[in-house]
C-alpha atoms as a PDB file:
ATOM      1  CA  MET A   1     -44.770  70.701 166.353  1.00  0.00           C
ATOM      2  CA  VAL A   2     -44.139  71.604 162.705  1.00  0.00           C
ATOM      3  CA  ASN A   3     -45.880  74.781 163.697  1.00  0.00           C
ATOM      4  CA  ASN A   4     -42.671  75.791 165.685  1.00  0.00           C
ATOM      5  CA  LEU A   5     -40.262  75.103 163.079  1.00  0.00           C
ATOM      6  CA  PHE A   6     -38.599  78.000 161.304  1.00  0.00           C
ATOM      7  CA  ILE A   7     -36.422  76.241 158.801  1.00  0.00           C
ATOM      8  CA  LEU A   8     -35.723  75.556 155.095  1.00  0.00           C
ATOM      9  CA  VAL A   9     -37.513  73.191 153.092  1.00  0.00           C
ATOM     10  CA  ILE A  10     -37.155  69.851 153.321  1.00  0.00           C
ATOM     11  CA  PRO A  11     -34.939  68.268 150.555  1.00  0.00           C
ATOM     12  CA  ASN A  12     -37.698  65.553 149.470  1.00  0.00           C
ATOM     13  CA  HIS A  13     -39.906  68.407 148.277  1.00  0.00           C
ATOM     14  CA  LEU A  14     -37.080  70.445 146.761  1.00  0.00           C
ATOM     15  CA  CYS A  15     -38.019  69.320 143.200  1.00  0.00           C
ATOM     16  CA  MET A  16     -41.969  70.721 143.585  1.00  0.00           C
ATOM     17  CA  LYS A  17     -40.740  73.822 145.367  1.00  0.00           C
ATOM     18  CA  THR A  18     -38.052  74.475 142.695  1.00  0.00           C
ATOM     19  CA  SER A  19     -41.028  74.203 140.044  1.00  0.00           C
ATOM     20  CA  PHE A  20     -43.033  76.661 142.056  1.00  0.00           C
ATOM     21  CA  LEU A  21     -40.036  78.971 142.076  1.00  0.00           C
ATOM     22  CA  ILE A  22     -39.229  79.086 138.542  1.00  0.00           C
ATOM     23  CA  ILE A  23     -43.210  79.589 137.875  1.00  0.00           C
ATOM     24  CA  ILE A  24     -43.051  82.833 140.116  1.00  0.00           C
ATOM     25  CA  ALA A  25     -40.011  84.205 138.631  1.00  0.00           C
ATOM     26  CA  PHE A  26     -41.359  83.606 135.110  1.00  0.00           C
ATOM     27  CA  LEU A  27     -44.551  85.492 136.174  1.00  0.00           C
ATOM     28  CA  PHE A  28     -42.821  88.316 137.860  1.00  0.00           C
ATOM     29  CA  SER A  29     -40.666  88.521 134.653  1.00  0.00           C
ATOM     30  CA  ILE A  30     -43.720  88.789 132.321  1.00  0.00           C
ATOM     31  CA  ALA A  31     -45.189  91.536 134.905  1.00  0.00           C
ATOM     32  CA  ILE A  32     -41.953  93.383 134.688  1.00  0.00           C
ATOM     33  CA  THR A  33     -41.762  93.471 130.887  1.00  0.00           C
ATOM     34  CA  ALA A  34     -45.632  94.433 130.846  1.00  0.00           C
ATOM     35  CA  GLN A  35     -45.014  97.751 132.769  1.00  0.00           C
ATOM     36  CA  THR A  36     -42.536  99.129 130.453  1.00  0.00           C
ATOM     37  CA  ASP A  37     -42.825 100.456 126.634  1.00  0.00           C
ATOM     38  CA  THR A  38     -40.406 101.066 124.146  1.00  0.00           C
ATOM     39  CA  TYR A  39     -39.278 104.406 123.524  1.00  0.00           C
ATOM     40  CA  THR A  40     -36.752 105.742 121.014  1.00  0.00           C
ATOM     41  CA  VAL A  41     -34.528 108.690 121.969  1.00  0.00           C
ATOM     42  CA  ASN A  42     -31.722 109.971 119.732  1.00  0.00           C
ATOM     43  CA  GLY A  43     -32.022 106.842 117.685  1.00  0.00           C
ATOM     44  CA  THR A  44     -31.594 104.434 120.710  1.00  0.00           C
ATOM     45  CA  SER A  45     -34.358 102.355 121.907  1.00  0.00           C
ATOM     46  CA  TYR A  46     -35.340 102.048 125.570  1.00  0.00           C
ATOM     47  CA  GLU A  47     -37.545 100.273 127.711  1.00  0.00           C
ATOM     48  CA  LEU A  48     -39.064 102.997 130.159  1.00  0.00           C
ATOM     49  CA  LYS A  49     -41.793 102.792 132.886  1.00  0.00           C
ATOM     50  CA  LYS A  50     -44.078 105.852 132.808  1.00  0.00           C
ATOM     51  CA  GLU A  51     -44.101 107.333 136.388  1.00  0.00           C
ATOM     52  CA  VAL A  52     -46.288 110.476 135.734  1.00  0.00           C
ATOM     53  CA  GLU A  53     -48.279 111.049 132.803  1.00  0.00           C
ATOM     54  CA  GLY A  54     -49.763 114.771 131.941  1.00  0.00           C
ATOM     55  CA  THR A  55     -48.434 117.814 129.822  1.00  0.00           C
ATOM     56  CA  LEU A  56     -44.858 116.738 130.952  1.00  0.00           C
ATOM     57  CA  THR A  57     -44.168 113.120 131.334  1.00  0.00           C
ATOM     58  CA  LEU A  58     -41.932 111.451 133.515  1.00  0.00           C
ATOM     59  CA  LEU A  59     -40.222 108.031 131.920  1.00  0.00           C
ATOM     60  CA  TRP A  60     -37.455 106.002 133.796  1.00  0.00           C
ATOM     61  CA  ASN A  61     -35.698 102.684 134.161  1.00  0.00           C
ATOM     62  CA  THR A  62     -32.382 101.221 135.463  1.00  0.00           C
ATOM     63  CA  ILE A  63     -30.315 100.539 132.642  1.00  0.00           C
ATOM     64  CA  ASP A  64     -26.726  98.961 133.279  1.00  0.00           C
ATOM     65  CA  ARG A  65     -27.678  99.377 136.655  1.00  0.00           C
ATOM     66  CA  ASP A  66     -27.622 103.266 136.355  1.00  0.00           C
ATOM     67  CA  TYR A  67     -30.967 105.005 136.804  1.00  0.00           C
ATOM     68  CA  ARG A  68     -32.178 106.845 133.922  1.00  0.00           C
ATOM     69  CA  TYR A  69     -34.725 109.387 133.975  1.00  0.00           C
ATOM     70  CA  PHE A  70     -36.414 111.181 130.444  1.00  0.00           C
ATOM     71  CA  VAL A  71     -38.898 113.940 130.128  1.00  0.00           C
ATOM     72  CA  LYS A  72     -41.518 113.722 127.425  1.00  0.00           C
ATOM     73  CA  LYS A  73     -43.364 116.913 126.114  1.00  0.00           C
ATOM     74  CA  GLU A  74     -45.250 117.611 123.172  1.00  0.00           C
ATOM     75  CA  GLY A  75     -44.006 114.057 121.720  1.00  0.00           C
ATOM     76  CA  VAL A  76     -40.448 114.828 122.125  1.00  0.00           C
ATOM     77  CA  ILE A  77     -38.553 112.967 124.617  1.00  0.00           C
ATOM     78  CA  THR A  78     -35.318 114.185 126.227  1.00  0.00           C
ATOM     79  CA  GLU A  79     -32.897 112.593 128.856  1.00  0.00           C
ATOM     80  CA  LEU A  80     -32.399 114.183 132.092  1.00  0.00           C
ATOM     81  CA  VAL A  81     -28.721 114.298 132.844  1.00  0.00           C
ATOM     82  CA  ASN A  82     -26.046 115.536 135.642  1.00  0.00           C
ATOM     83  CA  THR A  83     -22.670 114.830 134.104  1.00  0.00           C
ATOM     84  CA  LYS A  84     -19.576 115.378 136.366  1.00  0.00           C
ATOM     85  CA  LYS A  85     -16.782 117.555 135.486  1.00  0.00           C
ATOM     86  CA  ASP A  86     -13.626 118.636 137.389  1.00  0.00           C
ATOM     87  CA  ASN A  87     -15.066 116.837 140.180  1.00  0.00           C
ATOM     88  CA  LYS A  88     -18.421 119.136 140.152  1.00  0.00           C
ATOM     89  CA  TYR A  89     -21.950 118.041 138.813  1.00  0.00           C
ATOM     90  CA  GLN A  90     -23.192 119.994 136.073  1.00  0.00           C
ATOM     91  CA  GLU A  91     -26.953 119.434 136.954  1.00  0.00           C
ATOM     92  CA  GLU A  92     -27.774 119.974 133.168  1.00  0.00           C
ATOM     93  CA  TYR A  93     -31.129 118.281 133.841  1.00  0.00           C
ATOM     94  CA  LYS A  94     -32.344 121.579 135.730  1.00  0.00           C
ATOM     95  CA  THR A  95     -31.366 123.849 132.758  1.00  0.00           C
ATOM     96  CA  THR A  96     -33.739 120.932 130.729  1.00  0.00           C
ATOM     97  CA  LEU A  97     -36.446 121.208 132.929  1.00  0.00           C
ATOM     98  CA  ALA A  98     -36.481 125.058 133.323  1.00  0.00           C
ATOM     99  CA  SER A  99     -36.747 125.460 129.361  1.00  0.00           C
ATOM    100  CA  LEU A 100     -39.557 122.813 129.369  1.00  0.00           C
ATOM    101  CA  THR A 101     -41.462 124.660 132.079  1.00  0.00           C
ATOM    102  CA  SER A 102     -40.828 128.120 131.106  1.00  0.00           C
ATOM    103  CA  GLY A 103     -43.858 130.790 131.539  1.00  0.00           C
ATOM    104  CA  THR A 104     -44.770 129.163 134.832  1.00  0.00           C
ATOM    105  CA  ASP A 105     -43.237 130.295 138.108  1.00  0.00           C
ATOM    106  CA  ILE A 106     -42.169 127.000 139.338  1.00  0.00           C
ATOM    107  CA  SER A 107     -38.504 126.680 140.134  1.00  0.00           C
ATOM    108  CA  THR A 108     -36.009 123.757 139.382  1.00  0.00           C
ATOM    109  CA  LYS A 109     -33.468 125.061 141.967  1.00  0.00           C
ATOM    110  CA  LYS A 110     -34.444 122.543 144.512  1.00  0.00           C
ATOM    111  CA  VAL A 111     -35.330 119.510 142.357  1.00  0.00           C
ATOM    112  CA  ASN A 112     -32.626 116.470 142.824  1.00  0.00           C
ATOM    113  CA  LEU A 113     -32.317 113.789 140.168  1.00  0.00           C
ATOM    114  CA  THR A 114     -34.144 111.343 141.840  1.00  0.00           C
ATOM    115  CA  LEU A 115     -37.579 109.476 141.411  1.00  0.00           C
ATOM    116  CA  GLY A 116     -39.232 110.868 144.239  1.00  0.00           C
ATOM    117  CA  SER A 117     -37.895 114.737 143.546  1.00  0.00           C
ATOM    118  CA  LEU A 118     -38.736 114.527 139.851  1.00  0.00           C
ATOM    119  CA  ARG A 119     -42.305 113.024 140.280  1.00  0.00           C
ATOM    120  CA  SER A 120     -43.124 115.881 142.885  1.00  0.00           C
ATOM    121  CA  PHE A 121     -41.922 118.575 140.418  1.00  0.00           C
ATOM    122  CA  PHE A 122     -43.554 117.082 137.425  1.00  0.00           C
ATOM    123  CA  ASN A 123     -46.785 116.631 139.561  1.00  0.00           C
ATOM    124  CA  ASP A 124     -46.541 120.518 140.570  1.00  0.00           C
ATOM    125  CA  TYR A 125     -45.978 121.527 136.916  1.00  0.00           C
ATOM    126  CA  ASN A 126     -48.568 119.568 135.418  1.00  0.00           C
ATOM    127  CA  GLY A 127     -51.254 120.884 138.136  1.00  0.00           C
ATOM    128  CA  LYS A 128     -50.327 124.534 137.325  1.00  0.00           C
ATOM    129  CA  VAL A 129     -50.654 124.042 133.394  1.00  0.00           C
ATOM    130  CA  ASP A 130     -53.791 122.114 133.560  1.00  0.00           C
ATOM    131  CA  SER A 131     -56.913 122.550 135.907  1.00  0.00           C
ATOM    132  CA  SER A 132     -58.069 119.277 135.246  1.00  0.00           C
ATOM    133  CA  TYR A 133     -54.756 116.984 136.229  1.00  0.00           C
ATOM    134  CA  THR A 134     -54.959 114.690 138.889  1.00  0.00           C
ATOM    135  CA  ALA A 135     -51.331 114.214 140.624  1.00  0.00           C
ATOM    136  CA  ASN A 136     -50.501 110.629 140.000  1.00  0.00           C
ATOM    137  CA  SER A 137     -47.917 110.053 142.595  1.00  0.00           C
ATOM    138  CA  PHE A 138     -47.593 107.534 145.260  1.00  0.00           C
ATOM    139  CA  MET A 139     -50.504 107.111 147.513  1.00  0.00           C
ATOM    140  CA  THR A 140     -52.312 110.454 146.211  1.00  0.00           C
ATOM    141  CA  LYS A 141     -55.519 108.559 145.984  1.00  0.00           C
ATOM    142  CA  PRO A 142     -55.310 105.396 147.674  1.00  0.00           C
ATOM    143  CA  GLU A 143     -57.840 102.756 147.448  1.00  0.00           C
ATOM    144  CA  PHE A 144     -59.057 100.550 150.347  1.00  0.00           C
ATOM    145  CA  ARG A 145     -60.738  97.154 149.919  1.00  0.00           C
ATOM    146  CA  LEU A 146     -62.372  95.294 152.922  1.00  0.00           C
ATOM    147  CA  GLY A 147     -63.825  91.786 152.253  1.00  0.00           C
ATOM    148  CA  GLY A 148     -64.597  88.125 153.617  1.00  0.00           C
ATOM    149  CA  PHE A 149     -64.076  84.756 152.385  1.00  0.00           C
ATOM    150  CA  LEU A 150     -64.845  81.047 153.054  1.00  0.00           C
ATOM    151  CA  GLY A 151     -63.027  78.016 151.926  1.00  0.00           C
ATOM    152  CA  VAL A 152     -61.265  74.917 152.896  1.00  0.00           C
ATOM    153  CA  THR A 153     -57.544  74.172 154.026  1.00  0.00           C
ATOM    154  CA  ASN A 154     -55.539  70.952 154.565  1.00  0.00           C
ATOM    155  CA  SER A 155     -53.102  72.973 156.828  1.00  0.00           C
ATOM    156  CA  VAL A 156     -49.902  71.650 155.247  1.00  0.00           C
ATOM    157  CA  PHE A 157     -47.743  73.604 157.633  1.00  0.00           C
ATOM    158  CA  THR A 158     -48.704  71.577 160.598  1.00  0.00           C
ATOM    159  CA  SER A 159     -48.953  67.577 161.363  1.00  0.00           C
ATOM    160  CA  ASN A 160     -51.971  66.476 159.469  1.00  0.00           C
ATOM    161  CA  PRO A 161     -51.622  62.481 159.572  1.00  0.00           C
ATOM    162  CA  ASN A 162     -54.791  61.830 157.509  1.00  0.00           C
ATOM    163  CA  ASN A 163     -54.540  64.885 155.081  1.00  0.00           C
ATOM    164  CA  ALA A 164     -57.664  65.855 156.105  1.00  0.00           C
ATOM    165  CA  THR A 165     -59.694  69.326 155.313  1.00  0.00           C
ATOM    166  CA  ASN A 166     -60.979  71.712 157.462  1.00  0.00           C
ATOM    167  CA  PRO A 167     -63.267  74.709 156.574  1.00  0.00           C
ATOM    168  CA  GLN A 168     -62.019  78.170 156.863  1.00  0.00           C
ATOM    169  CA  LEU A 169     -63.172  81.839 156.672  1.00  0.00           C
ATOM    170  CA  GLY A 170     -61.731  85.030 157.236  1.00  0.00           C
ATOM    171  CA  VAL A 171     -61.467  88.709 156.395  1.00  0.00           C
ATOM    172  CA  GLU A 172     -58.931  90.970 154.947  1.00  0.00           C
ATOM    173  CA  PHE A 173     -57.912  94.592 154.543  1.00  0.00           C
ATOM    174  CA  GLU A 174     -56.239  95.655 151.216  1.00  0.00           C
ATOM    175  CA  VAL A 175     -54.455  99.046 150.577  1.00  0.00           C
ATOM    176  CA  LEU A 176     -53.138  99.791 147.374  1.00  0.00           C
ATOM    177  CA  ASP A 177     -52.546 102.815 144.738  1.00  0.00           C
ATOM    178  CA  PRO A 178     -54.572 102.371 141.766  1.00  0.00           C
ATOM    179  CA  ILE A 179     -52.729 105.285 139.885  1.00  0.00           C
ATOM    180  CA  SER A 180     -49.275 104.975 140.986  1.00  0.00           C
ATOM    181  CA  LEU A 181     -48.739 101.675 141.692  1.00  0.00           C
ATOM    182  CA  PRO A 182     -51.760  99.558 140.330  1.00  0.00           C
ATOM    183  CA  ARG A 183     -49.751  96.320 140.569  1.00  0.00           C
ATOM    184  CA  HIS A 184     -48.816  96.415 144.124  1.00  0.00           C
ATOM    185  CA  ALA A 185     -51.144  96.060 147.105  1.00  0.00           C
ATOM    186  CA  ALA A 186     -50.377  95.515 150.929  1.00  0.00           C
ATOM    187  CA  VAL A 187     -52.964  93.420 152.753  1.00  0.00           C
ATOM    188  CA  ILE A 188     -53.715  92.515 156.353  1.00  0.00           C
ATOM    189  CA  GLN A 189     -55.443  89.157 156.666  1.00  0.00           C
ATOM    190  CA  TYR A 190     -57.281  87.009 159.541  1.00  0.00           C
ATOM    191  CA  LYS A 191     -57.864  83.496 158.647  1.00  0.00           C
ATOM    192  CA  GLN A 192     -59.702  81.222 160.916  1.00  0.00           C
ATOM    193  CA  THR A 193     -59.500  77.439 160.341  1.00  0.00           C
ATOM    194  CA  LEU A 194     -62.201  75.495 162.083  1.00  0.00           C
ATOM    195  CA  THR A 195     -61.960  72.059 163.699  1.00  0.00           C
ATOM    196  CA  SER A 196     -63.784  69.263 161.904  1.00  0.00           C
ATOM    197  CA  GLU A 197     -64.589  65.510 162.805  1.00  0.00           C
ATOM    198  CA  SER A 198     -62.000  64.384 160.655  1.00  0.00           C
ATOM    199  CA  PHE A 199     -59.379  66.600 161.773  1.00  0.00           C
ATOM    200  CA  ASP A 200     -59.377  68.108 165.411  1.00  0.00           C
ATOM    201  CA  TYR A 201     -57.377  71.210 164.813  1.00  0.00           C
ATOM    202  CA  SER A 202     -58.352  74.861 164.699  1.00  0.00           C
ATOM    203  CA  ALA A 203     -56.167  78.108 164.281  1.00  0.00           C
ATOM    204  CA  ALA A 204     -56.464  81.570 164.082  1.00  0.00           C
ATOM    205  CA  GLN A 205     -53.990  83.479 161.989  1.00  0.00           C
ATOM    206  CA  PHE A 206     -53.164  87.076 161.365  1.00  0.00           C
ATOM    207  CA  SER A 207     -50.825  87.951 158.288  1.00  0.00           C
ATOM    208  CA  LEU A 208     -49.054  90.792 156.639  1.00  0.00           C
ATOM    209  CA  ASN A 209     -49.025  90.141 152.860  1.00  0.00           C
ATOM    210  CA  TYR A 210     -47.771  91.792 149.892  1.00  0.00           C
ATOM    211  CA  ARG A 211     -49.607  91.172 146.380  1.00  0.00           C
ATOM    212  CA  TYR A 212     -48.144  91.614 142.865  1.00  0.00           C
ATOM    213  CA  LYS A 213     -50.544  91.672 139.942  1.00  0.00           C
ATOM    214  CA  PHE A 214     -49.030  89.909 137.185  1.00  0.00           C
ATOM    215  CA  ILE A 215     -52.010  90.185 134.887  1.00  0.00           C
ATOM    216  CA  THR A 216     -54.431  93.456 135.173  1.00  0.00           C
ATOM    217  CA  GLN A 217     -57.313  93.305 132.969  1.00  0.00           C
ATOM    218  CA  PRO A 218     -60.311  95.519 132.820  1.00  0.00           C
ATOM    219  CA  THR A 219     -62.245  91.978 133.643  1.00  0.00           C
ATOM    220  CA  VAL A 220     -60.005  90.225 135.868  1.00  0.00           C
ATOM    221  CA  ASP A 221     -56.464  90.716 137.923  1.00  0.00           C
ATOM    222  CA  PHE A 222     -54.313  87.672 138.842  1.00  0.00           C
ATOM    223  CA  TYR A 223     -51.833  88.233 141.609  1.00  0.00           C
ATOM    224  CA  ILE A 224     -49.018  86.383 143.570  1.00  0.00           C
ATOM    225  CA  ASN A 225     -49.678  86.715 147.258  1.00  0.00           C
ATOM    226  CA  ALA A 226     -46.682  86.538 149.546  1.00  0.00           C
ATOM    227  CA  LYS A 227     -47.237  86.128 153.633  1.00  0.00           C
ATOM    228  CA  LEU A 228     -44.421  88.170 154.943  1.00  0.00           C
ATOM    229  CA  ILE A 229     -45.122  87.922 158.609  1.00  0.00           C
ATOM    230  CA  THR A 230     -47.794  85.574 160.557  1.00  0.00           C
ATOM    231  CA  PHE A 231     -48.833  85.213 163.887  1.00  0.00           C
ATOM    232  CA  THR A 232     -50.628  81.820 164.531  1.00  0.00           C
ATOM    233  CA  SER A 233     -52.601  80.709 167.508  1.00  0.00           C
ATOM    234  CA  PHE A 234     -53.640  77.094 167.093  1.00  0.00           C
ATOM    235  CA  ASN A 235     -55.227  74.198 169.076  1.00  0.00           C
ATOM    236  CA  ARG A 236     -55.130  70.515 168.317  1.00  0.00           C
ATOM    237  CA  GLY A 237     -57.540  69.313 170.953  1.00  0.00           C
ATOM    238  CA  THR A 238     -55.779  66.156 172.357  1.00  0.00           C
ATOM    239  CA  VAL A 239     -53.110  64.083 170.891  1.00  0.00           C
ATOM    240  CA  VAL A 240     -52.538  60.476 171.833  1.00  0.00           C
ATOM    241  CA  PHE A 241     -48.784  59.519 172.763  1.00  0.00           C
ATOM    242  CA  GLU A 242     -47.630  55.933 173.688  1.00  0.00           C
ATOM    243  CA  ASN A 243     -46.341  55.411 177.054  1.00  0.00           C
ATOM    244  CA  ILE A 244     -43.028  53.535 176.435  1.00  0.00           C
ATOM    245  CA  GLN A 245     -43.012  51.808 179.954  1.00  0.00           C
ATOM    246  CA  ASP A 246     -46.394  50.276 179.739  1.00  0.00           C
ATOM    247  CA  ASP A 247     -47.294  50.792 176.337  1.00  0.00           C
ATOM    248  CA  ALA A 248     -50.578  52.641 177.397  1.00  0.00           C
ATOM    249  CA  PRO A 249     -51.994  55.555 175.689  1.00  0.00           C
ATOM    250  CA  VAL A 250     -51.564  59.216 176.780  1.00  0.00           C
ATOM    251  CA  LEU A 251     -53.733  61.913 176.042  1.00  0.00           C
ATOM    252  CA  GLU A 252     -52.280  65.491 176.268  1.00  0.00           C
ATOM    253  CA  ALA A 253     -53.542  68.890 175.159  1.00  0.00           C
ATOM    254  CA  ASN A 254     -51.561  70.587 172.319  1.00  0.00           C
ATOM    255  CA  SER A 255     -52.057  74.339 171.866  1.00  0.00           C
ATOM    256  CA  GLY A 256     -49.731  77.189 171.398  1.00  0.00           C
ATOM    257  CA  SER A 257     -48.860  80.296 169.345  1.00  0.00           C
ATOM    258  CA  ASN A 258     -46.151  81.381 167.041  1.00  0.00           C
ATOM    259  CA  PHE A 259     -44.673  84.416 165.398  1.00  0.00           C
ATOM    260  CA  GLN A 260     -43.101  83.896 162.183  1.00  0.00           C
ATOM    261  CA  ALA A 261     -41.663  85.504 158.796  1.00  0.00           C
ATOM    262  CA  PRO A 262     -42.455  82.137 156.676  1.00  0.00           C
ATOM    263  CA  LEU A 263     -42.595  83.850 152.958  1.00  0.00           C
ATOM    264  CA  ILE A 264     -45.408  81.690 151.975  1.00  0.00           C
ATOM    265  CA  PHE A 265     -46.696  82.193 148.338  1.00  0.00           C
ATOM    266  CA  GLY A 266     -50.065  81.566 147.003  1.00  0.00           C
ATOM    267  CA  LEU A 267     -52.230  82.760 143.845  1.00  0.00           C
ATOM    268  CA  GLY A 268     -55.310  84.784 143.549  1.00  0.00           C
ATOM    269  CA  ALA A 269     -57.601  86.667 141.073  1.00  0.00           C
ATOM    270  CA  ASP A 270     -59.777  89.788 141.557  1.00  0.00           C
ATOM    271  CA  ILE A 271     -62.965  89.664 139.189  1.00  0.00           C
ATOM    272  CA  PRO A 272     -64.916  93.202 139.172  1.00  0.00           C
ATOM    273  CA  LEU A 273     -68.468  93.007 140.216  1.00  0.00           C
ATOM    274  CA  GLY A 274     -70.967  95.540 141.295  1.00  0.00           C
ATOM    275  CA  LYS A 275     -69.227  98.025 143.801  1.00  0.00           C
ATOM    276  CA  GLY A 276     -66.454  95.550 144.541  1.00  0.00           C
ATOM    277  CA  PHE A 277     -64.461  92.455 143.604  1.00  0.00           C
ATOM    278  CA  LEU A 278     -65.314  88.675 143.756  1.00  0.00           C
ATOM    279  CA  PHE A 279     -61.838  87.202 144.560  1.00  0.00           C
ATOM    280  CA  ILE A 280     -60.721  83.600 144.507  1.00  0.00           C
ATOM    281  CA  GLN A 281     -57.658  82.257 146.223  1.00  0.00           C
ATOM    282  CA  TYR A 282     -55.351  79.242 146.058  1.00  0.00           C
ATOM    283  CA  GLN A 283     -52.854  80.089 149.192  1.00  0.00           C
ATOM    284  CA  ASP A 284     -50.383  78.556 150.954  1.00  0.00           C
ATOM    285  CA  PHE A 285     -48.894  76.278 148.359  1.00  0.00           C
ATOM    286  CA  LEU A 286     -45.073  77.318 149.009  1.00  0.00           C
ATOM    287  CA  GLY A 287     -43.224  78.359 152.135  1.00  0.00           C
ATOM    288  CA  LEU A 288     -39.596  78.897 151.935  1.00  0.00           C
ATOM    289  CA  PHE A 289     -38.715  79.281 155.458  1.00  0.00           C
ATOM    290  CA  ILE A 290     -41.377  76.681 156.980  1.00  0.00           C
ATOM    291  CA  GLU A 291     -41.650  72.965 156.821  1.00  0.00           C
ATOM    292  CA  ASN A 292     -44.648  71.464 155.257  1.00  0.00           C
ATOM    293  CA  ASN A 293     -46.274  67.862 156.064  1.00  0.00           C
ATOM    294  CA  SER A 294     -45.235  66.486 152.968  1.00  0.00           C
ATOM    295  CA  GLU A 295     -48.676  66.498 151.498  1.00  0.00           C
ATOM    296  CA  PHE A 296     -50.022  68.541 148.618  1.00  0.00           C
ATOM    297  CA  PRO A 297     -51.374  71.821 149.718  1.00  0.00           C
ATOM    298  CA  THR A 298     -54.963  72.596 149.206  1.00  0.00           C
ATOM    299  CA  ASP A 299     -56.141  76.174 150.564  1.00  0.00           C
ATOM    300  CA  ILE A 300     -58.648  77.302 148.322  1.00  0.00           C
ATOM    301  CA  SER A 301     -61.148  80.085 149.080  1.00  0.00           C
ATOM    302  CA  ALA A 302     -63.574  82.423 147.538  1.00  0.00           C
ATOM    303  CA  GLY A 303     -64.945  85.726 148.906  1.00  0.00           C
ATOM    304  CA  TYR A 304     -66.126  89.109 147.927  1.00  0.00           C
ATOM    305  CA  LYS A 305     -64.455  92.865 148.971  1.00  0.00           C
ATOM    306  CA  PHE A 306     -66.056  96.269 148.709  1.00  0.00           C
ATOM    307  CA  VAL A 307     -64.150  99.122 147.673  1.00  0.00           C
ATOM    308  CA  PHE A 308     -64.030 102.503 149.586  1.00  0.00           C
END
């Protein structure tokens, strides 16, 4: 059974799969570029990410494989540095932060030059000087989305001789941080593939997914979906095998389950509508560590999810 295989993609589809990978890499490069802005610091331009925004704004990025951190206050950008002299760190960044936060009782003594520690410090300071400030650190205000969907699939990761399509339905639960990590989301999904007259196959699948929104607009978000882990229980009804001895057909039930880490990619779009989102998905078009059945993937669904 194709379901139980856990191998690399087959060579005769390498060209198509390579093309998909190139597209995915291109979309990721666009997304990474879109998250950064250009800032000029002491005459040098840097592409920096905005981690915390407020009276004191935290900017950062990896530059030449080094983490670089910058603080912006009243339009002036200063780099936070920690040079080493005589085998001892000088911790200049603490002096810089103390100067910029003078007049408050916030201490820089325990601040480390790491993204998490700086994020916490910046949020604490901004909250003290601005009563309307909302901390924009990771998962401060998580958003949950719950919805259901309907669609069709040709189940390319199982044997499907006639390339038939079956109806599918499911539910998914999405968690994201719209303030700190608006482009990223974790999704738990349940998908049920229903049997049909043309293809006696059904499957129930639970999956853990990661989503990356490479385009975010007020009217639509486009994202790449990656299935990281799946548990699938399937049933093919009966399968006909040939009896080698007397050429008589043999009917055999074929069902089972598997647990995999297949890394299967898909695309999707979220469209704001009412108190939630209309979403459209084209899933399961590329699996890196699972073999397909040589057919072009058809896995299309649409649904609606509420925000709470």
